[in-house]
Amino acid sequence: MQGSVIEHMQMLSQIDNVTAVEVKDIESLNSIDGLILPGGESTTIGKLLKDFNLFDPLLERINNKMPVWGTCAGMILLARKISNEDYNHLGVMDMSVTRNAYGAQLDSFTTYASIPEVSDDKIPLVFIRAPWVDNVGDKAQIIATVDDRIAAVRQDNMLATSFHPELTTDLSFHKYFVGFCE
């Protein structure tokens, strides 16, 4: 409904045996094996989930182990706690995040990191007004850090990244997530 949906769909279209579907209603939500919550604006996406009556069905699917991956704003949607805020959105991942922690749009950057769980090669990581993870609880596993900040977390059927793999040409993270869905 908002954010980098098209970019994720283009990445997924390059992976064999994957069909990307835009989720805008309950029927499409119920037809999928996994969901990517894209980058964009977390408050807007959270509001749209409620306005389109997708919030509770999505929460139920996630709690019933449907794989979900949140990139940037999607990470904020999944977080148990948003630092310096008195609300959260889905609140399903055992982590606390800070919105826009890496700075404003002008502070955006790309770096490369080795993330053994995802790829044997260094992969590009694009940060745009990105959150970072302040801390994780016992249920969550840190899978990537950048400059001593937590940038990617996995918990059961859930994955969250501060960065935007959909804005690169590297399919590593998308293939990693597709593995959750198989």
N, C-alpha and C. Protein backbone atom coordinates (compact mmCIF):
# COMPACT_ATOMS: atom_id res chain seq x y z
N MET A 1 0.82 -1.20 0.00
CA MET A 1 0.00 0.00 0.00
C MET A 1 0.86 1.26 0.00
N GLN A 2 2.07 1.14 0.50
CA GLN A 2 2.96 2.29 0.59
C GLN A 2 4.38 1.78 0.74
N GLY A 3 5.34 2.47 0.17
CA GLY A 3 6.73 2.07 0.32
C GLY A 3 7.27 1.37 -0.91
N SER A 4 8.38 0.66 -0.72
CA SER A 4 9.12 0.08 -1.85
C SER A 4 8.58 -1.29 -2.27
N VAL A 5 7.30 -1.36 -2.51
CA VAL A 5 6.64 -2.61 -2.91
C VAL A 5 7.12 -3.06 -4.28
N ILE A 6 7.12 -2.18 -5.26
CA ILE A 6 7.50 -2.54 -6.63
C ILE A 6 8.93 -3.07 -6.67
N GLU A 7 9.82 -2.44 -5.93
CA GLU A 7 11.22 -2.86 -5.92
C GLU A 7 11.37 -4.28 -5.37
N HIS A 8 10.64 -4.60 -4.30
CA HIS A 8 10.67 -5.96 -3.76
C HIS A 8 10.09 -6.95 -4.78
N MET A 9 9.01 -6.58 -5.43
CA MET A 9 8.39 -7.47 -6.41
C MET A 9 9.34 -7.73 -7.58
N GLN A 10 10.09 -6.72 -8.01
CA GLN A 10 11.06 -6.91 -9.09
C GLN A 10 12.16 -7.87 -8.65
N MET A 11 12.62 -7.76 -7.43
CA MET A 11 13.65 -8.68 -6.93
C MET A 11 13.11 -10.11 -6.88
N LEU A 12 11.92 -10.27 -6.34
CA LEU A 12 11.33 -11.61 -6.21
C LEU A 12 11.09 -12.24 -7.58
N SER A 13 10.77 -11.42 -8.58
CA SER A 13 10.49 -11.95 -9.92
C SER A 13 11.73 -12.59 -10.55
N GLN A 14 12.90 -12.32 -10.02
CA GLN A 14 14.14 -12.88 -10.54
C GLN A 14 14.50 -14.22 -9.91
N ILE A 15 13.69 -14.68 -8.95
CA ILE A 15 13.96 -15.94 -8.25
C ILE A 15 13.03 -17.01 -8.79
N ASP A 16 13.61 -18.15 -9.18
CA ASP A 16 12.83 -19.26 -9.73
C ASP A 16 11.74 -19.71 -8.76
N ASN A 17 10.60 -20.05 -9.33
CA ASN A 17 9.46 -20.61 -8.60
C ASN A 17 8.87 -19.67 -7.55
N VAL A 18 9.05 -18.37 -7.73
CA VAL A 18 8.47 -17.39 -6.81
C VAL A 18 7.51 -16.51 -7.60
N THR A 19 6.31 -16.34 -7.07
CA THR A 19 5.33 -15.43 -7.65
C THR A 19 5.05 -14.35 -6.62
N ALA A 20 5.36 -13.13 -6.96
CA ALA A 20 5.11 -12.00 -6.06
C ALA A 20 3.68 -11.50 -6.24
N VAL A 21 3.03 -11.19 -5.15
CA VAL A 21 1.65 -10.73 -5.14
C VAL A 21 1.56 -9.47 -4.29
N GLU A 22 0.93 -8.44 -4.80
CA GLU A 22 0.66 -7.26 -3.98
C GLU A 22 -0.48 -7.60 -3.02
N VAL A 23 -0.28 -7.29 -1.75
CA VAL A 23 -1.29 -7.59 -0.75
C VAL A 23 -2.00 -6.29 -0.38
N LYS A 24 -3.27 -6.23 -0.79
CA LYS A 24 -4.08 -5.04 -0.52
C LYS A 24 -5.41 -5.38 0.13
N ASP A 25 -5.69 -6.69 0.29
CA ASP A 25 -6.95 -7.10 0.89
C ASP A 25 -6.77 -8.45 1.57
N ILE A 26 -7.77 -8.87 2.29
CA ILE A 26 -7.69 -10.11 3.06
C ILE A 26 -7.52 -11.32 2.15
N GLU A 27 -8.18 -11.31 0.99
CA GLU A 27 -8.06 -12.45 0.07
C GLU A 27 -6.61 -12.65 -0.36
N SER A 28 -5.94 -11.57 -0.73
CA SER A 28 -4.54 -11.72 -1.15
C SER A 28 -3.65 -12.06 0.04
N LEU A 29 -3.94 -11.53 1.22
CA LEU A 29 -3.17 -11.89 2.41
C LEU A 29 -3.29 -13.38 2.69
N ASN A 30 -4.48 -13.93 2.53
CA ASN A 30 -4.69 -15.35 2.81
C ASN A 30 -4.12 -16.26 1.73
N SER A 31 -3.74 -15.69 0.58
CA SER A 31 -3.25 -16.52 -0.53
C SER A 31 -1.73 -16.67 -0.55
N ILE A 32 -1.01 -15.99 0.33
CA ILE A 32 0.45 -15.96 0.24
C ILE A 32 1.11 -16.88 1.25
N ASP A 33 2.38 -17.21 0.95
CA ASP A 33 3.18 -18.05 1.84
C ASP A 33 4.12 -17.24 2.72
N GLY A 34 4.30 -15.97 2.40
CA GLY A 34 5.17 -15.10 3.17
C GLY A 34 4.92 -13.66 2.75
N LEU A 35 5.30 -12.71 3.61
CA LEU A 35 5.01 -11.31 3.34
C LEU A 35 6.22 -10.45 3.64
N ILE A 36 6.50 -9.50 2.75
CA ILE A 36 7.52 -8.48 3.00
C ILE A 36 6.81 -7.18 3.34
N LEU A 37 7.10 -6.66 4.52
CA LEU A 37 6.64 -5.33 4.91
C LEU A 37 7.73 -4.37 4.47
N PRO A 38 7.46 -3.50 3.51
CA PRO A 38 8.51 -2.74 2.85
C PRO A 38 8.98 -1.52 3.65
N GLY A 39 10.06 -0.93 3.12
CA GLY A 39 10.45 0.39 3.59
C GLY A 39 9.40 1.38 3.15
N GLY A 40 9.42 2.53 3.75
CA GLY A 40 8.44 3.57 3.48
C GLY A 40 8.29 4.38 4.74
N GLU A 41 7.08 4.63 5.17
CA GLU A 41 6.84 5.39 6.39
C GLU A 41 6.01 4.51 7.32
N SER A 42 6.61 4.10 8.42
CA SER A 42 5.98 3.12 9.32
C SER A 42 4.63 3.58 9.85
N THR A 43 4.51 4.85 10.20
CA THR A 43 3.23 5.34 10.73
C THR A 43 2.14 5.24 9.67
N THR A 44 2.48 5.58 8.44
CA THR A 44 1.52 5.50 7.33
C THR A 44 1.13 4.04 7.06
N ILE A 45 2.12 3.17 6.99
CA ILE A 45 1.82 1.75 6.72
C ILE A 45 0.96 1.18 7.84
N GLY A 46 1.30 1.49 9.10
CA GLY A 46 0.51 1.02 10.23
C GLY A 46 -0.93 1.50 10.15
N LYS A 47 -1.12 2.77 9.77
CA LYS A 47 -2.47 3.31 9.63
C LYS A 47 -3.22 2.63 8.49
N LEU A 48 -2.55 2.41 7.36
CA LEU A 48 -3.19 1.75 6.23
C LEU A 48 -3.59 0.31 6.56
N LEU A 49 -2.77 -0.39 7.32
CA LEU A 49 -3.13 -1.76 7.74
C LEU A 49 -4.46 -1.75 8.50
N LYS A 50 -4.64 -0.75 9.33
CA LYS A 50 -5.90 -0.65 10.07
C LYS A 50 -7.05 -0.17 9.18
N ASP A 51 -6.79 0.84 8.35
CA ASP A 51 -7.84 1.37 7.48
C ASP A 51 -8.38 0.33 6.51
N PHE A 52 -7.52 -0.59 6.06
CA PHE A 52 -7.93 -1.62 5.11
C PHE A 52 -8.29 -2.94 5.80
N ASN A 53 -8.45 -2.88 7.13
CA ASN A 53 -8.84 -4.05 7.94
C ASN A 53 -7.89 -5.24 7.76
N LEU A 54 -6.60 -4.93 7.62
CA LEU A 54 -5.59 -5.98 7.48
C LEU A 54 -4.76 -6.18 8.74
N PHE A 55 -4.85 -5.28 9.69
CA PHE A 55 -4.00 -5.35 10.87
C PHE A 55 -4.20 -6.66 11.64
N ASP A 56 -5.42 -6.93 12.08
CA ASP A 56 -5.68 -8.14 12.87
C ASP A 56 -5.44 -9.42 12.09
N PRO A 57 -5.91 -9.52 10.82
CA PRO A 57 -5.61 -10.74 10.06
C PRO A 57 -4.11 -10.95 9.85
N LEU A 58 -3.37 -9.86 9.61
CA LEU A 58 -1.92 -9.99 9.46
C LEU A 58 -1.28 -10.45 10.76
N LEU A 59 -1.66 -9.85 11.85
CA LEU A 59 -1.12 -10.25 13.15
C LEU A 59 -1.40 -11.72 13.42
N GLU A 60 -2.58 -12.16 13.10
CA GLU A 60 -2.94 -13.57 13.29
C GLU A 60 -2.08 -14.49 12.42
N ARG A 61 -1.88 -14.11 11.15
CA ARG A 61 -1.05 -14.94 10.26
C ARG A 61 0.39 -15.01 10.77
N ILE A 62 0.93 -13.88 11.22
CA ILE A 62 2.30 -13.88 11.75
C ILE A 62 2.38 -14.76 12.99
N ASN A 63 1.42 -14.61 13.89
CA ASN A 63 1.41 -15.43 15.11
C ASN A 63 1.22 -16.92 14.82
N ASN A 64 0.62 -17.23 13.65
CA ASN A 64 0.47 -18.62 13.22
C ASN A 64 1.62 -19.06 12.33
N LYS A 65 2.74 -18.33 12.39
CA LYS A 65 4.02 -18.71 11.78
C LYS A 65 4.17 -18.43 10.29
N MET A 66 3.33 -17.55 9.71
CA MET A 66 3.59 -17.13 8.34
C MET A 66 4.91 -16.34 8.33
N PRO A 67 5.84 -16.66 7.44
CA PRO A 67 7.07 -15.88 7.36
C PRO A 67 6.80 -14.43 7.00
N VAL A 68 7.48 -13.53 7.68
CA VAL A 68 7.35 -12.10 7.41
C VAL A 68 8.73 -11.47 7.52
N TRP A 69 8.98 -10.51 6.63
CA TRP A 69 10.25 -9.79 6.61
C TRP A 69 9.94 -8.31 6.55
N GLY A 70 10.46 -7.57 7.50
CA GLY A 70 10.30 -6.12 7.52
C GLY A 70 11.60 -5.43 7.17
N THR A 71 11.56 -4.59 6.12
CA THR A 71 12.74 -3.81 5.74
C THR A 71 12.50 -2.37 6.15
N CYS A 72 13.43 -1.81 6.90
CA CYS A 72 13.40 -0.40 7.32
C CYS A 72 12.09 -0.10 8.06
N ALA A 73 11.13 0.54 7.43
CA ALA A 73 9.85 0.82 8.10
C ALA A 73 9.18 -0.48 8.54
N GLY A 74 9.33 -1.52 7.74
CA GLY A 74 8.78 -2.83 8.11
C GLY A 74 9.38 -3.35 9.40
N MET A 75 10.67 -3.07 9.63
CA MET A 75 11.32 -3.44 10.88
C MET A 75 10.61 -2.75 12.06
N ILE A 76 10.30 -1.48 11.88
CA ILE A 76 9.63 -0.71 12.93
C ILE A 76 8.24 -1.30 13.20
N LEU A 77 7.53 -1.71 12.14
CA LEU A 77 6.21 -2.31 12.31
C LEU A 77 6.28 -3.59 13.14
N LEU A 78 7.34 -4.36 12.99
CA LEU A 78 7.46 -5.64 13.68
C LEU A 78 7.94 -5.50 15.13
N ALA A 79 8.63 -4.43 15.46
CA ALA A 79 9.29 -4.27 16.75
C ALA A 79 8.32 -4.27 17.93
N ARG A 80 8.76 -4.91 19.00
CA ARG A 80 8.02 -4.92 20.26
C ARG A 80 7.93 -3.50 20.83
N LYS A 81 9.03 -2.74 20.70
CA LYS A 81 9.08 -1.39 21.26
C LYS A 81 9.77 -0.44 20.28
N ILE A 82 9.22 0.78 20.19
CA ILE A 82 9.84 1.85 19.43
C ILE A 82 10.34 2.86 20.46
N SER A 83 11.65 3.04 20.52
CA SER A 83 12.24 3.94 21.52
C SER A 83 11.66 5.35 21.38
N ASN A 84 11.48 5.99 22.51
CA ASN A 84 10.97 7.35 22.59
C ASN A 84 9.56 7.51 22.02
N GLU A 85 8.83 6.41 21.92
CA GLU A 85 7.43 6.47 21.48
C GLU A 85 6.59 5.73 22.51
N ASP A 86 5.34 6.09 22.62
CA ASP A 86 4.46 5.40 23.58
C ASP A 86 3.51 4.43 22.87
N TYR A 87 3.90 3.99 21.68
CA TYR A 87 3.09 3.05 20.91
C TYR A 87 4.03 2.09 20.17
N ASN A 88 3.45 1.02 19.68
CA ASN A 88 4.11 0.17 18.70
C ASN A 88 3.06 -0.19 17.66
N HIS A 89 3.47 -0.98 16.68
CA HIS A 89 2.52 -1.37 15.64
C HIS A 89 2.14 -2.83 15.86
N LEU A 90 2.76 -3.75 15.15
CA LEU A 90 2.44 -5.17 15.31
C LEU A 90 3.04 -5.73 16.60
N GLY A 91 4.22 -5.26 16.99
CA GLY A 91 4.82 -5.63 18.26
C GLY A 91 5.15 -7.11 18.42
N VAL A 92 5.52 -7.79 17.33
CA VAL A 92 5.72 -9.23 17.39
C VAL A 92 7.17 -9.68 17.55
N MET A 93 8.14 -8.80 17.27
CA MET A 93 9.55 -9.20 17.39
C MET A 93 10.14 -8.67 18.69
N ASP A 94 10.92 -9.51 19.33
CA ASP A 94 11.50 -9.22 20.63
C ASP A 94 12.71 -8.29 20.47
N MET A 95 12.42 -7.03 20.09
CA MET A 95 13.47 -6.04 19.90
C MET A 95 12.90 -4.64 20.10
N SER A 96 13.78 -3.73 20.41
CA SER A 96 13.46 -2.32 20.53
C SER A 96 14.23 -1.58 19.44
N VAL A 97 13.56 -0.67 18.73
CA VAL A 97 14.19 0.05 17.63
C VAL A 97 14.07 1.57 17.82
N THR A 98 14.98 2.29 17.20
CA THR A 98 14.92 3.74 17.15
C THR A 98 14.68 4.16 15.71
N ARG A 99 13.61 4.91 15.48
CA ARG A 99 13.27 5.39 14.14
C ARG A 99 14.28 6.41 13.67
N ASN A 100 14.57 6.41 12.37
CA ASN A 100 15.45 7.39 11.73
C ASN A 100 16.79 7.56 12.46
N ALA A 101 17.28 6.49 13.05
CA ALA A 101 18.47 6.56 13.89
C ALA A 101 19.73 6.95 13.13
N TYR A 102 19.81 6.56 11.86
CA TYR A 102 20.99 6.88 11.07
C TYR A 102 20.95 8.30 10.51
N GLY A 103 19.89 9.05 10.80
CA GLY A 103 19.83 10.44 10.36
C GLY A 103 18.79 10.68 9.29
N ALA A 104 18.90 11.86 8.70
CA ALA A 104 17.95 12.32 7.70
C ALA A 104 18.26 11.72 6.32
N GLN A 105 17.43 12.04 5.35
CA GLN A 105 17.61 11.56 3.98
C GLN A 105 19.02 11.83 3.46
N LEU A 106 19.57 12.99 3.78
CA LEU A 106 20.91 13.35 3.32
C LEU A 106 22.00 12.48 3.95
N ASP A 107 21.68 11.81 5.04
CA ASP A 107 22.65 10.94 5.71
C ASP A 107 22.61 9.50 5.18
N SER A 108 21.85 9.26 4.14
CA SER A 108 21.74 7.91 3.56
C SER A 108 23.11 7.46 3.08
N PHE A 109 23.33 6.13 3.12
CA PHE A 109 24.63 5.60 2.69
C PHE A 109 24.50 4.14 2.29
N THR A 110 25.51 3.67 1.57
CA THR A 110 25.64 2.27 1.21
C THR A 110 26.95 1.75 1.78
N THR A 111 26.90 0.56 2.32
CA THR A 111 28.11 -0.10 2.79
C THR A 111 28.03 -1.56 2.36
N TYR A 112 29.08 -2.32 2.63
CA TYR A 112 29.11 -3.74 2.29
C TYR A 112 29.44 -4.50 3.55
N ALA A 113 28.80 -5.66 3.72
CA ALA A 113 29.04 -6.45 4.92
C ALA A 113 28.98 -7.93 4.58
N SER A 114 29.71 -8.68 5.35
CA SER A 114 29.66 -10.13 5.27
C SER A 114 28.64 -10.61 6.30
N ILE A 115 27.63 -11.33 5.82
CA ILE A 115 26.58 -11.86 6.69
C ILE A 115 26.49 -13.36 6.39
N PRO A 116 27.29 -14.18 7.09
CA PRO A 116 27.42 -15.60 6.76
C PRO A 116 26.09 -16.36 6.68
N GLU A 117 25.12 -16.00 7.47
CA GLU A 117 23.83 -16.70 7.44
C GLU A 117 23.10 -16.47 6.12
N VAL A 118 23.44 -15.38 5.43
CA VAL A 118 22.72 -14.97 4.22
C VAL A 118 23.52 -15.24 2.95
N SER A 119 24.84 -14.98 2.98
CA SER A 119 25.66 -15.12 1.78
C SER A 119 27.11 -15.36 2.15
N ASP A 120 27.82 -16.06 1.29
CA ASP A 120 29.26 -16.25 1.47
C ASP A 120 30.05 -15.02 1.05
N ASP A 121 29.42 -14.14 0.29
CA ASP A 121 30.07 -12.93 -0.21
C ASP A 121 29.63 -11.71 0.58
N LYS A 122 30.43 -10.64 0.52
CA LYS A 122 29.98 -9.37 1.06
C LYS A 122 28.83 -8.88 0.20
N ILE A 123 27.82 -8.32 0.86
CA ILE A 123 26.66 -7.85 0.12
C ILE A 123 26.42 -6.36 0.41
N PRO A 124 25.81 -5.65 -0.56
CA PRO A 124 25.54 -4.23 -0.36
C PRO A 124 24.36 -4.00 0.58
N LEU A 125 24.52 -3.01 1.44
CA LEU A 125 23.46 -2.64 2.38
C LEU A 125 23.18 -1.15 2.20
N VAL A 126 21.95 -0.81 1.84
CA VAL A 126 21.56 0.57 1.59
C VAL A 126 20.71 1.06 2.77
N PHE A 127 21.17 2.13 3.41
CA PHE A 127 20.48 2.71 4.56
C PHE A 127 19.90 4.07 4.18
N ILE A 128 18.57 4.22 4.32
CA ILE A 128 17.89 5.48 4.01
C ILE A 128 16.99 5.83 5.19
N ARG A 129 17.34 6.89 5.92
CA ARG A 129 16.57 7.27 7.11
C ARG A 129 16.25 6.04 7.95
N ALA A 130 17.22 5.19 8.10
CA ALA A 130 17.01 3.86 8.66
C ALA A 130 16.91 3.84 10.18
N PRO A 131 16.14 2.87 10.68
CA PRO A 131 16.15 2.62 12.12
C PRO A 131 17.36 1.77 12.47
N TRP A 132 17.68 1.72 13.74
CA TRP A 132 18.58 0.67 14.20
C TRP A 132 17.94 -0.01 15.39
N VAL A 133 18.44 -1.18 15.69
CA VAL A 133 17.92 -1.96 16.81
C VAL A 133 18.72 -1.58 18.04
N ASP A 134 18.02 -1.12 19.06
CA ASP A 134 18.68 -0.76 20.32
C ASP A 134 19.11 -2.01 21.08
N ASN A 135 18.20 -2.97 21.14
CA ASN A 135 18.50 -4.22 21.83
C ASN A 135 17.52 -5.29 21.40
N VAL A 136 17.91 -6.53 21.64
CA VAL A 136 17.05 -7.67 21.34
C VAL A 136 16.84 -8.47 22.62
N GLY A 137 15.70 -9.12 22.70
CA GLY A 137 15.41 -9.99 23.83
C GLY A 137 15.90 -11.40 23.55
N ASP A 138 15.60 -12.29 24.44
CA ASP A 138 16.07 -13.68 24.36
C ASP A 138 15.55 -14.42 23.14
N LYS A 139 14.40 -14.04 22.61
CA LYS A 139 13.80 -14.76 21.49
C LYS A 139 14.42 -14.41 20.15
N ALA A 140 15.08 -13.26 20.06
CA ALA A 140 15.60 -12.76 18.79
C ALA A 140 17.10 -13.05 18.65
N GLN A 141 17.53 -13.20 17.41
CA GLN A 141 18.93 -13.49 17.08
C GLN A 141 19.46 -12.39 16.17
N ILE A 142 20.57 -11.79 16.53
CA ILE A 142 21.21 -10.78 15.71
C ILE A 142 21.94 -11.49 14.57
N ILE A 143 21.67 -11.08 13.33
CA ILE A 143 22.39 -11.70 12.20
C ILE A 143 23.31 -10.72 11.48
N ALA A 144 23.19 -9.41 11.78
CA ALA A 144 24.10 -8.45 11.15
C ALA A 144 24.22 -7.20 12.00
N THR A 145 25.45 -6.68 12.05
CA THR A 145 25.70 -5.38 12.67
C THR A 145 26.49 -4.53 11.68
N VAL A 146 26.30 -3.23 11.79
CA VAL A 146 27.04 -2.27 10.97
C VAL A 146 27.49 -1.16 11.92
N ASP A 147 28.79 -0.93 11.96
CA ASP A 147 29.34 0.09 12.86
C ASP A 147 28.86 -0.11 14.29
N ASP A 148 28.91 -1.35 14.75
CA ASP A 148 28.52 -1.72 16.11
C ASP A 148 27.04 -1.49 16.41
N ARG A 149 26.22 -1.33 15.39
CA ARG A 149 24.77 -1.19 15.54
C ARG A 149 24.10 -2.42 14.94
N ILE A 150 23.04 -2.89 15.59
CA ILE A 150 22.31 -4.05 15.10
C ILE A 150 21.49 -3.63 13.88
N ALA A 151 21.73 -4.32 12.76
CA ALA A 151 21.08 -3.95 11.49
C ALA A 151 20.17 -5.03 10.93
N ALA A 152 20.26 -6.27 11.43
CA ALA A 152 19.38 -7.35 10.96
C ALA A 152 19.16 -8.35 12.10
N VAL A 153 17.90 -8.77 12.22
CA VAL A 153 17.49 -9.65 13.32
C VAL A 153 16.57 -10.72 12.76
N ARG A 154 16.70 -11.92 13.32
CA ARG A 154 15.80 -13.02 12.97
C ARG A 154 15.17 -13.55 14.24
N GLN A 155 13.90 -13.91 14.14
CA GLN A 155 13.20 -14.54 15.27
C GLN A 155 12.15 -15.48 14.69
N ASP A 156 12.34 -16.76 14.89
CA ASP A 156 11.40 -17.76 14.39
C ASP A 156 11.08 -17.52 12.91
N ASN A 157 9.84 -17.18 12.58
CA ASN A 157 9.38 -16.96 11.20
C ASN A 157 9.54 -15.52 10.74
N MET A 158 10.27 -14.72 11.53
CA MET A 158 10.35 -13.29 11.24
C MET A 158 11.79 -12.85 10.97
N LEU A 159 11.93 -11.91 10.06
CA LEU A 159 13.21 -11.32 9.69
C LEU A 159 13.00 -9.82 9.63
N ALA A 160 13.99 -9.05 10.11
CA ALA A 160 13.90 -7.60 10.05
C ALA A 160 15.27 -7.04 9.70
N THR A 161 15.28 -6.08 8.76
CA THR A 161 16.53 -5.43 8.35
C THR A 161 16.34 -3.91 8.37
N SER A 162 17.38 -3.22 8.86
CA SER A 162 17.37 -1.75 8.86
C SER A 162 17.54 -1.20 7.46
N PHE A 163 18.13 -1.98 6.62
CA PHE A 163 18.54 -1.56 5.28
C PHE A 163 17.58 -2.07 4.22
N HIS A 164 17.85 -1.67 2.98
CA HIS A 164 16.96 -1.93 1.84
C HIS A 164 17.63 -2.83 0.80
N PRO A 165 17.55 -4.16 0.95
CA PRO A 165 18.12 -5.03 -0.09
C PRO A 165 17.44 -4.88 -1.45
N GLU A 166 16.21 -4.40 -1.46
CA GLU A 166 15.48 -4.24 -2.72
C GLU A 166 16.01 -3.09 -3.57
N LEU A 167 16.89 -2.28 -3.00
CA LEU A 167 17.46 -1.17 -3.76
C LEU A 167 18.86 -1.48 -4.28
N THR A 168 19.20 -2.77 -4.28
CA THR A 168 20.47 -3.23 -4.84
C THR A 168 20.15 -4.22 -5.96
N THR A 169 21.19 -4.79 -6.55
CA THR A 169 21.00 -5.85 -7.54
C THR A 169 21.29 -7.21 -6.94
N ASP A 170 21.62 -7.26 -5.66
CA ASP A 170 21.98 -8.51 -4.98
C ASP A 170 20.72 -9.21 -4.46
N LEU A 171 20.52 -10.45 -4.85
CA LEU A 171 19.32 -11.20 -4.47
C LEU A 171 19.49 -11.99 -3.17
N SER A 172 20.62 -11.89 -2.51
CA SER A 172 20.92 -12.74 -1.36
C SER A 172 19.84 -12.71 -0.28
N PHE A 173 19.43 -11.53 0.15
CA PHE A 173 18.44 -11.46 1.23
C PHE A 173 17.07 -11.95 0.76
N HIS A 174 16.71 -11.65 -0.48
CA HIS A 174 15.42 -12.14 -0.98
C HIS A 174 15.42 -13.66 -1.07
N LYS A 175 16.51 -14.25 -1.52
CA LYS A 175 16.60 -15.71 -1.56
C LYS A 175 16.58 -16.30 -0.15
N TYR A 176 17.25 -15.63 0.76
CA TYR A 176 17.24 -16.07 2.17
C TYR A 176 15.81 -16.08 2.70
N PHE A 177 15.05 -15.02 2.45
CA PHE A 177 13.67 -14.97 2.91
C PHE A 177 12.80 -16.00 2.22
N VAL A 178 12.99 -16.20 0.92
CA VAL A 178 12.21 -17.21 0.21
C VAL A 178 12.42 -18.59 0.87
N GLY A 179 13.62 -18.81 1.37
CA GLY A 179 13.89 -20.06 2.10
C GLY A 179 13.00 -20.23 3.32
N PHE A 180 12.60 -19.13 3.96
CA PHE A 180 11.67 -19.19 5.08
C PHE A 180 10.31 -19.69 4.63
N CYS A 181 9.96 -19.34 3.39
CA CYS A 181 8.61 -19.57 2.88
C CYS A 181 8.41 -20.96 2.28
N GLU A 182 9.49 -21.67 2.06
CA GLU A 182 9.37 -22.98 1.40
C GLU A 182 8.97 -24.07 2.36
